[in-house]
């Protein structure tokens, strides 16, 4: 019988998290208390907390208290961008979000994946880039390693598995160009 995955053989790559285990655990505590419990209007407070852990957060960024991120030191958000309720920035790899970007509620930006051919279930983080003036509508999944071009709108409940060009409206699973924006 073929072994497809042997999780007892899994090893996290050295420095995969980008910070030590104490910093990782401290962020987990801060995110689940000071960040999550902050009133809706305290955007500056949440920007401060993220910056304190190494995130690069531009001016006037709106981040809701229900946003989750794994490793904030791998997140870069440009000026005047909005990150909605229940968005997950799964930052095993870097996430670069441009200026004037909207990521709507319940979207999942996922940089992490595993090698399906590796029996020891190797893990990877692949950078995601969401360029300036994009709108990621509600409940969108963005896969590891994706670039979404400037000004593109990804429609609700879409899944993005390949790079999307600039200035388009894209819908579906997988997301496909429907028309110009």
Protein backbone atom coordinates (compact mmCIF):
# COMPACT_ATOMS: atom_id res chain seq x y z
CA UNK A 1 0.00 0.00 0.00
CA UNK A 2 1.39 3.42 -1.01
CA UNK A 3 2.02 6.05 1.66
CA UNK A 4 0.71 9.42 0.53
CA UNK A 5 1.62 11.34 3.65
CA UNK A 6 3.39 10.45 6.86
CA UNK A 7 2.80 13.32 9.24
CA UNK A 8 5.21 11.89 11.81
CA UNK A 9 7.98 12.73 9.29
CA UNK A 10 6.93 16.40 8.97
CA UNK A 11 9.50 19.01 9.98
CA UNK A 12 8.92 22.75 9.99
CA UNK A 13 11.68 24.42 7.93
CA UNK A 14 14.20 26.41 9.93
CA UNK A 15 13.08 30.03 10.53
CA UNK A 16 9.80 29.35 8.67
CA UNK A 17 7.84 31.59 11.04
CA UNK A 18 10.33 34.43 10.65
CA UNK A 19 10.43 35.12 14.41
CA UNK A 20 11.06 33.07 17.54
CA UNK A 21 8.42 31.02 19.30
CA UNK A 22 8.06 33.57 22.12
CA UNK A 23 7.20 36.34 19.64
CA UNK A 24 4.79 34.03 17.80
CA UNK A 25 2.99 33.16 21.05
CA UNK A 26 2.97 36.78 22.23
CA UNK A 27 1.31 37.81 18.94
CA UNK A 28 -1.27 35.05 19.40
CA UNK A 29 -2.11 36.43 22.87
CA UNK A 30 -2.24 40.05 21.69
CA UNK A 31 -4.36 39.19 18.63
CA UNK A 32 -6.87 37.26 20.74
CA UNK A 33 -7.20 39.94 23.41
CA UNK A 34 -6.06 43.53 22.79
CA UNK A 35 -6.66 43.36 19.03
CA UNK A 36 -9.88 41.30 18.95
CA UNK A 37 -11.51 43.02 21.91
CA UNK A 38 -10.88 46.55 20.64
CA UNK A 39 -13.99 48.58 19.71
CA UNK A 40 -14.80 48.82 16.00
CA UNK A 41 -13.65 52.46 15.67
CA UNK A 42 -10.14 51.88 17.11
CA UNK A 43 -8.40 51.46 13.75
CA UNK A 44 -5.32 53.36 14.93
CA UNK A 45 -4.93 51.00 17.89
CA UNK A 46 -5.02 47.91 15.65
CA UNK A 47 -2.57 49.52 13.21
CA UNK A 48 -0.29 50.22 16.18
CA UNK A 49 -0.49 46.61 17.41
CA UNK A 50 0.28 45.20 13.96
CA UNK A 51 3.18 47.62 13.45
CA UNK A 52 4.51 46.69 16.90
CA UNK A 53 4.89 43.15 15.61
CA UNK A 54 6.60 44.20 12.37
CA UNK A 55 3.71 44.62 9.93
CA UNK A 56 4.10 47.46 7.45
CA UNK A 57 0.78 49.29 7.60
CA UNK A 58 0.15 52.45 5.58
CA UNK A 59 -1.75 55.55 6.64
CA UNK A 60 -5.50 55.53 7.22
CA UNK A 61 -5.78 51.74 6.85
CA UNK A 62 -9.04 50.34 8.21
CA UNK A 63 -8.61 46.94 9.84
CA UNK A 64 -11.59 45.38 11.59
CA UNK A 65 -11.09 43.70 14.99
CA UNK A 66 -12.09 40.28 13.62
CA UNK A 67 -9.22 40.20 11.08
CA UNK A 68 -6.76 37.37 11.72
CA UNK A 69 -3.15 37.03 10.63
CA UNK A 70 -0.64 34.34 11.42
CA UNK A 71 2.62 36.31 11.30
CA UNK A 72 2.09 40.10 11.06
CA UNK A 73 5.78 40.69 10.28
CA UNK A 74 5.06 39.14 6.86
CA UNK A 75 2.19 41.56 6.05
CA UNK A 76 2.47 44.83 4.10
CA UNK A 77 -0.68 46.94 3.57
CA UNK A 78 -0.60 50.19 1.58
CA UNK A 79 -2.27 53.52 2.35
CA UNK A 80 -6.06 53.92 2.58
CA UNK A 81 -6.82 50.19 2.29
CA UNK A 82 -9.69 48.41 4.04
CA UNK A 83 -9.54 44.92 5.52
CA UNK A 84 -13.05 43.72 6.40
CA UNK A 85 -14.60 41.59 9.12
CA UNK A 86 -13.47 37.98 9.43
CA UNK A 87 -10.76 38.33 6.78
CA UNK A 88 -7.89 35.87 7.24
CA UNK A 89 -4.44 36.98 6.13
CA UNK A 90 -2.79 33.56 6.41
CA UNK A 91 0.73 34.89 6.24
CA UNK A 92 2.98 31.84 6.22
CA UNK A 93 4.54 33.66 3.27
CA UNK A 94 4.52 37.38 2.57
CA UNK A 95 1.31 39.24 1.78
CA UNK A 96 1.62 42.54 -0.07
CA UNK A 97 -1.57 44.60 -0.33
CA UNK A 98 -1.39 47.85 -2.29
CA UNK A 99 -2.92 51.28 -1.78
CA UNK A 100 -6.70 51.85 -1.89
CA UNK A 101 -7.45 48.10 -1.78
CA UNK A 102 -10.65 46.64 -0.33
CA UNK A 103 -10.61 43.08 0.98
CA UNK A 104 -14.21 42.38 1.94
CA UNK A 105 -15.52 40.29 4.80
CA UNK A 106 -14.76 36.58 5.13
CA UNK A 107 -12.08 36.54 2.42
CA UNK A 108 -9.15 34.18 2.90
CA UNK A 109 -5.73 35.22 1.61
CA UNK A 110 -3.69 32.00 1.87
CA UNK A 111 0.07 31.97 1.32
CA UNK A 112 0.62 28.51 2.82
CA UNK A 113 0.55 25.13 1.11
CA UNK A 114 2.10 21.68 1.26
CA UNK A 115 3.83 19.59 -1.38
CA UNK A 116 1.27 16.89 -2.33
CA UNK A 117 4.08 14.67 -3.70
CA UNK A 118 6.19 14.78 -0.51
CA UNK A 119 5.39 11.97 1.91
CA UNK A 120 6.67 14.15 4.77
CA UNK A 121 4.13 16.87 3.82
CA UNK A 122 6.67 19.68 3.19
CA UNK A 123 5.22 23.13 3.91
CA UNK A 124 5.77 26.31 1.89
CA UNK A 125 4.83 29.97 2.03
CA UNK A 126 4.35 31.67 -1.36
CA UNK A 127 3.97 35.44 -1.57
CA UNK A 128 0.63 36.96 -2.59
CA UNK A 129 0.49 40.40 -4.19
CA UNK A 130 -2.75 42.36 -4.44
CA UNK A 131 -1.92 45.50 -6.39
CA UNK A 132 -3.32 49.02 -5.90
CA UNK A 133 -7.06 49.74 -6.18
CA UNK A 134 -8.22 46.11 -6.21
CA UNK A 135 -11.50 45.05 -4.68
CA UNK A 136 -11.64 41.52 -3.33
CA UNK A 137 -15.38 41.00 -2.67
CA UNK A 138 -16.87 38.92 0.12
CA UNK A 139 -15.77 35.35 0.80
CA UNK A 140 -13.02 35.18 -1.85
CA UNK A 141 -10.20 32.64 -1.59
CA UNK A 142 -6.79 33.68 -2.95
CA UNK A 143 -4.30 30.81 -3.35
CA UNK A 144 -0.55 30.90 -2.59
CA UNK A 145 1.73 32.68 -5.05
CA UNK A 146 -0.99 34.74 -6.76
CA UNK A 147 -0.72 38.29 -8.11
CA UNK A 148 -3.93 40.23 -8.71
CA UNK A 149 -3.34 43.13 -11.10
CA UNK A 150 -4.04 46.78 -10.37
CA UNK A 151 -7.70 47.75 -10.19
CA UNK A 152 -9.11 44.27 -10.60
CA UNK A 153 -12.36 43.32 -8.89
CA UNK A 154 -12.77 39.70 -7.81
CA UNK A 155 -16.46 38.88 -7.35
CA UNK A 156 -18.06 37.35 -4.26
CA UNK A 157 -17.34 33.71 -3.46
CA UNK A 158 -14.73 33.40 -6.19
CA UNK A 159 -11.54 31.35 -5.86
CA UNK A 160 -8.33 32.69 -7.38
CA UNK A 161 -5.90 29.95 -8.45
CA UNK A 162 -3.99 31.83 -11.17
CA UNK A 163 -2.73 35.38 -11.60
CA UNK A 164 -5.35 37.91 -12.68
CA UNK A 165 -4.63 40.84 -15.05
CA UNK A 166 -5.14 44.51 -14.23
CA UNK A 167 -8.40 46.39 -14.64
CA UNK A 168 -10.77 43.43 -14.94
CA UNK A 169 -13.86 42.03 -13.25
CA UNK A 170 -13.29 38.36 -12.47
CA UNK A 171 -15.77 35.80 -11.14
CA UNK A 172 -16.07 32.12 -10.40
CA UNK A 173 -14.18 29.09 -9.23
CA UNK A 174 -11.68 29.29 -10.67
CA UNK A 175 -11.94 33.07 -11.13
CA UNK A 176 -12.03 34.10 -14.78
CA UNK A 177 -12.09 37.46 -16.50
CA UNK A 178 -15.69 38.51 -17.26
CA UNK A 179 -15.14 42.05 -18.56
CA UNK A 180 -13.16 45.24 -18.12
CA UNK A 181 -13.72 47.21 -14.97
